[in-house]
């Protein structure tokens, strides 16, 4: 993954985290706190799942390549 794509992924992850921290009621809120629109909440949920799956798949691919390279006989 190139640097620019990594930066985009980092930004998306930070924004999803900020949305959860500042926009949800996960940390408790005062009475009258305005809730996030359900559509935005679903978007954040699906986006975070997509990012997590991408990271897992990328890590698995790197591990497979590393294991295959280690298993090759030395010349």
Protein backbone atom coordinates (compact mmCIF):
# COMPACT_ATOMS: atom_id res chain seq x y z
CA UNK A 1 0.00 0.00 0.00
CA UNK A 2 1.50 3.33 -1.01
CA UNK A 3 1.93 6.27 1.36
CA UNK A 4 -0.96 8.30 0.00
CA UNK A 5 -3.44 5.44 0.38
CA UNK A 6 -2.13 4.78 3.86
CA UNK A 7 -2.71 8.43 4.76
CA UNK A 8 -6.28 8.26 3.43
CA UNK A 9 -6.94 5.13 5.47
CA UNK A 10 -5.49 6.75 8.58
CA UNK A 11 -7.64 9.84 8.11
CA UNK A 12 -10.80 7.76 7.60
CA UNK A 13 -10.05 5.71 10.71
CA UNK A 14 -9.42 8.83 12.81
CA UNK A 15 -12.66 10.45 11.61
CA UNK A 16 -14.70 7.32 12.35
CA UNK A 17 -13.19 7.22 15.84
CA UNK A 18 -13.93 10.90 16.41
CA UNK A 19 -17.51 10.41 15.28
CA UNK A 20 -17.96 7.62 17.79
CA UNK A 21 -16.23 9.51 20.60
CA UNK A 22 -17.88 12.88 20.12
CA UNK A 23 -21.16 12.01 18.46
CA UNK A 24 -22.37 8.88 20.18
CA UNK A 25 -23.69 8.29 23.66
CA UNK A 26 -21.04 5.65 24.33
CA UNK A 27 -19.29 7.88 26.88
CA UNK A 28 -22.47 9.26 28.40
CA UNK A 29 -24.07 12.55 27.47
CA UNK A 30 -26.09 15.27 29.14
CA UNK A 31 -29.84 15.24 28.80
CA UNK A 32 -30.87 16.84 25.51
CA UNK A 33 -27.78 15.72 23.59
CA UNK A 34 -28.58 15.52 19.90
CA UNK A 35 -28.13 12.02 18.52
CA UNK A 36 -26.40 11.19 15.25
CA UNK A 37 -28.65 10.47 12.30
CA UNK A 38 -29.15 6.68 12.01
CA UNK A 39 -27.89 6.73 8.42
CA UNK A 40 -24.61 8.36 9.48
CA UNK A 41 -24.29 5.86 12.32
CA UNK A 42 -24.73 2.95 9.88
CA UNK A 43 -22.19 4.49 7.51
CA UNK A 44 -19.64 4.77 10.32
CA UNK A 45 -20.33 1.21 11.43
CA UNK A 46 -19.95 -0.24 7.94
CA UNK A 47 -16.91 1.91 7.17
CA UNK A 48 -15.12 0.75 10.32
CA UNK A 49 -15.90 -2.88 9.48
CA UNK A 50 -14.56 -2.37 5.96
CA UNK A 51 -11.33 -0.82 7.23
CA UNK A 52 -10.84 -3.63 9.76
CA UNK A 53 -11.42 -6.31 7.13
CA UNK A 54 -9.01 -4.59 4.73
CA UNK A 55 -6.30 -4.47 7.40
CA UNK A 56 -6.78 -8.13 8.31
CA UNK A 57 -6.68 -9.25 4.66
CA UNK A 58 -3.60 -7.11 3.97
CA UNK A 59 -1.82 -8.55 7.01
CA UNK A 60 -2.73 -12.11 5.98
CA UNK A 61 -1.34 -11.54 2.47
CA UNK A 62 1.92 -10.19 3.88
CA UNK A 63 2.20 -13.15 6.23
CA UNK A 64 1.62 -15.63 3.39
CA UNK A 65 4.30 -13.96 1.27
CA UNK A 66 6.71 -13.96 4.21
CA UNK A 67 6.08 -17.62 4.97
CA UNK A 68 6.47 -18.58 1.31
CA UNK A 69 9.75 -16.66 1.04
CA UNK A 70 11.06 -18.29 4.23
CA UNK A 71 10.15 -21.77 2.93
CA UNK A 72 12.10 -21.35 -0.32
CA UNK A 73 15.43 -23.18 -0.28
CA UNK A 74 18.52 -21.00 -0.15
CA UNK A 75 20.69 -21.04 -3.24
